[in-house]
């Protein structure tokens, strides 16, 4: 079980927002709980809200969901790579480019929610057994150092962050 929060040098400044979202809760438990809480929240969003964006140039609801899925999948790969000893730096990703090519708008909210639940479930099978020692493993992503425990906090915190934005600005 990972009980230590990410330490300075294990993340870049902007990631602190995601880390703070988790707070003092056990991060592995938060990830597990979000599998169902996220699904329940996303499927409660009316389909007619799917194309809604709160301002010009902002993603709509379906695009936000697609972004959450892409990010979960990417951080899941980073997690796997680092705990398996990957020494090469992993690339970053341009979120706006990914969203533009996601085809999220051609899908239903329920379908997107089901994909997120499936990706989170797959990641949880890795996450649930990680030890404190594995949490301290570091790798390089987008040219920056990052620890396995930071990845867990980002996975949970990123979803919590976007759920809050959906609640406050979209619904």
Protein backbone atom coordinates (compact mmCIF):
# COMPACT_ATOMS: atom_id res chain seq x y z
CA UNK A 1 0.00 0.00 0.00
CA UNK A 2 1.30 3.45 -0.90
CA UNK A 3 0.91 5.86 2.00
CA UNK A 4 3.50 8.52 1.17
CA UNK A 5 2.39 11.49 -0.89
CA UNK A 6 4.53 12.66 -3.81
CA UNK A 7 7.61 14.58 -2.72
CA UNK A 8 9.31 17.60 -4.34
CA UNK A 9 11.39 16.43 -7.29
CA UNK A 10 8.85 13.74 -8.19
CA UNK A 11 6.53 16.04 -10.13
CA UNK A 12 6.36 19.40 -11.89
CA UNK A 13 4.54 22.37 -10.41
CA UNK A 14 1.30 22.19 -12.41
CA UNK A 15 0.74 18.61 -11.24
CA UNK A 16 0.34 19.81 -7.65
CA UNK A 17 -3.27 20.72 -8.46
CA UNK A 18 -4.04 17.05 -9.13
CA UNK A 19 -2.12 15.85 -6.08
CA UNK A 20 -4.09 18.24 -3.85
CA UNK A 21 -7.38 16.87 -5.21
CA UNK A 22 -6.64 13.54 -3.49
CA UNK A 23 -5.63 15.09 -0.17
CA UNK A 24 -4.83 12.67 2.65
CA UNK A 25 -7.04 9.84 1.40
CA UNK A 26 -5.33 6.54 0.49
CA UNK A 27 -4.70 7.05 -3.22
CA UNK A 28 -5.20 3.42 -4.21
CA UNK A 29 -8.60 3.44 -2.50
CA UNK A 30 -9.56 6.70 -4.23
CA UNK A 31 -8.70 5.17 -7.60
CA UNK A 32 -10.87 2.14 -6.85
CA UNK A 33 -13.80 4.23 -5.62
CA UNK A 34 -13.65 6.52 -8.66
CA UNK A 35 -14.21 3.54 -10.95
CA UNK A 36 -17.83 3.38 -9.82
CA UNK A 37 -18.35 6.98 -8.66
CA UNK A 38 -17.07 8.31 -11.96
CA UNK A 39 -19.28 5.94 -13.94
CA UNK A 40 -22.34 6.91 -11.91
CA UNK A 41 -21.59 10.60 -12.35
CA UNK A 42 -20.91 10.43 -16.09
CA UNK A 43 -23.99 8.33 -16.83
CA UNK A 44 -26.12 10.83 -14.89
CA UNK A 45 -25.25 13.53 -17.43
CA UNK A 46 -28.15 13.92 -19.88
CA UNK A 47 -27.19 12.99 -23.45
CA UNK A 48 -28.46 16.36 -24.69
CA UNK A 49 -25.67 18.02 -22.64
CA UNK A 50 -23.01 16.07 -24.57
CA UNK A 51 -22.32 18.82 -27.10
CA UNK A 52 -22.42 21.64 -24.54
CA UNK A 53 -19.30 23.75 -23.96
CA UNK A 54 -19.42 26.51 -21.36
CA UNK A 55 -17.47 28.98 -23.53
CA UNK A 56 -16.23 29.29 -27.12
CA UNK A 57 -13.04 27.32 -27.66
CA UNK A 58 -13.63 25.05 -24.65
CA UNK A 59 -14.18 21.34 -24.97
CA UNK A 60 -17.73 20.07 -24.77
CA UNK A 61 -18.88 17.43 -22.28
CA UNK A 62 -18.11 14.49 -24.56
CA UNK A 63 -14.68 15.89 -25.38
CA UNK A 64 -13.91 16.30 -21.68
CA UNK A 65 -14.86 12.65 -21.14
CA UNK A 66 -12.67 11.61 -24.07
CA UNK A 67 -9.79 13.60 -22.57
CA UNK A 68 -10.25 11.94 -19.18
CA UNK A 69 -10.13 8.52 -20.87
CA UNK A 70 -7.04 9.35 -22.94
CA UNK A 71 -5.22 10.69 -19.90
CA UNK A 72 -6.12 7.65 -17.80
CA UNK A 73 -4.85 5.35 -20.54
CA UNK A 74 -1.60 7.31 -21.02
CA UNK A 75 -0.82 7.50 -17.31
CA UNK A 76 -1.66 3.81 -16.98
CA UNK A 77 0.98 3.06 -19.61
CA UNK A 78 3.50 5.29 -17.85
CA UNK A 79 2.79 3.49 -14.60
CA UNK A 80 3.32 0.08 -16.19
CA UNK A 81 6.48 1.18 -18.00
CA UNK A 82 8.15 2.56 -14.88
CA UNK A 83 7.32 -0.34 -12.57
CA UNK A 84 8.67 -2.68 -15.26
CA UNK A 85 11.97 -0.80 -15.26
CA UNK A 86 11.70 1.35 -18.38
CA UNK A 87 14.76 3.61 -18.53
CA UNK A 88 13.90 5.57 -21.66
CA UNK A 89 12.03 8.81 -21.28
CA UNK A 90 8.39 8.62 -22.33
CA UNK A 91 6.89 11.31 -24.55
CA UNK A 92 4.32 13.83 -23.45
CA UNK A 93 1.10 14.35 -25.37
CA UNK A 94 -0.74 17.35 -26.75
CA UNK A 95 -4.16 17.09 -25.14
CA UNK A 96 -5.89 19.37 -27.65
CA UNK A 97 -4.60 17.30 -30.58
CA UNK A 98 -5.77 14.10 -28.89
CA UNK A 99 -9.23 15.54 -28.22
CA UNK A 100 -9.55 16.76 -31.81
CA UNK A 101 -8.85 13.24 -33.10
CA UNK A 102 -10.82 11.34 -30.44
CA UNK A 103 -14.17 11.19 -32.24
CA UNK A 104 -15.82 11.54 -28.83
CA UNK A 105 -18.68 13.52 -30.36
CA UNK A 106 -19.77 10.51 -32.42
CA UNK A 107 -20.29 8.47 -29.24
CA UNK A 108 -22.85 8.50 -26.47
CA UNK A 109 -22.04 9.66 -22.98
CA UNK A 110 -22.86 6.18 -21.71
CA UNK A 111 -20.40 4.60 -24.14
CA UNK A 112 -17.67 7.01 -23.04
CA UNK A 113 -18.48 6.30 -19.38
CA UNK A 114 -18.25 2.56 -20.01
CA UNK A 115 -14.85 2.96 -21.66
CA UNK A 116 -13.55 5.02 -18.75
CA UNK A 117 -14.75 2.39 -16.30
CA UNK A 118 -13.04 -0.34 -18.33
CA UNK A 119 -9.74 1.54 -18.57
CA UNK A 120 -9.82 2.39 -14.86
CA UNK A 121 -10.61 -1.23 -14.00
CA UNK A 122 -7.66 -2.45 -16.08
CA UNK A 123 -5.35 0.08 -14.41
CA UNK A 124 -6.61 -0.83 -10.97
CA UNK A 125 -5.34 -4.39 -11.35
CA UNK A 126 -1.84 -2.87 -11.47
CA UNK A 127 -2.50 -0.15 -8.88
CA UNK A 128 -4.02 -2.29 -6.13
CA UNK A 129 -0.88 -4.26 -5.31
CA UNK A 130 1.74 -1.54 -5.57
CA UNK A 131 4.04 -1.23 -2.58
CA UNK A 132 5.58 1.82 -0.96
CA UNK A 133 8.91 0.88 -2.57
CA UNK A 134 7.33 0.71 -6.02
CA UNK A 135 5.69 4.08 -5.39
CA UNK A 136 9.14 5.66 -5.10
CA UNK A 137 10.28 4.38 -8.52
CA UNK A 138 11.04 7.29 -10.83
CA UNK A 139 10.97 7.63 -14.57
CA UNK A 140 11.03 10.45 -17.06
CA UNK A 141 7.92 11.64 -18.86
CA UNK A 142 7.72 14.63 -21.19
CA UNK A 143 11.31 15.43 -20.17
CA UNK A 144 10.48 15.64 -16.46
CA UNK A 145 11.07 13.28 -13.55
CA UNK A 146 7.96 11.62 -12.16
CA UNK A 147 7.44 8.92 -9.55
CA UNK A 148 5.01 6.04 -9.64
CA UNK A 149 3.19 7.46 -6.61
CA UNK A 150 2.83 10.79 -8.43
CA UNK A 151 1.26 8.97 -11.36
CA UNK A 152 -1.33 7.45 -9.02
CA UNK A 153 -2.16 10.85 -7.55
CA UNK A 154 -2.45 12.34 -11.03
CA UNK A 155 -4.71 9.51 -12.22
CA UNK A 156 -7.10 10.13 -9.33
CA UNK A 157 -6.68 13.89 -9.08
CA UNK A 158 -7.05 14.50 -12.81
CA UNK A 159 -10.41 12.75 -12.85
CA UNK A 160 -11.57 14.54 -9.68
CA UNK A 161 -10.48 17.87 -11.18
CA UNK A 162 -12.48 17.34 -14.36
CA UNK A 163 -15.50 15.99 -12.50
CA UNK A 164 -15.53 19.22 -10.49
CA UNK A 165 -15.24 21.35 -13.63
CA UNK A 166 -18.10 19.41 -15.24
CA UNK A 167 -20.26 20.02 -12.16
CA UNK A 168 -19.42 23.72 -11.87
CA UNK A 169 -19.31 24.83 -15.50
CA UNK A 170 -21.23 22.34 -17.60
CA UNK A 171 -24.16 21.04 -15.60
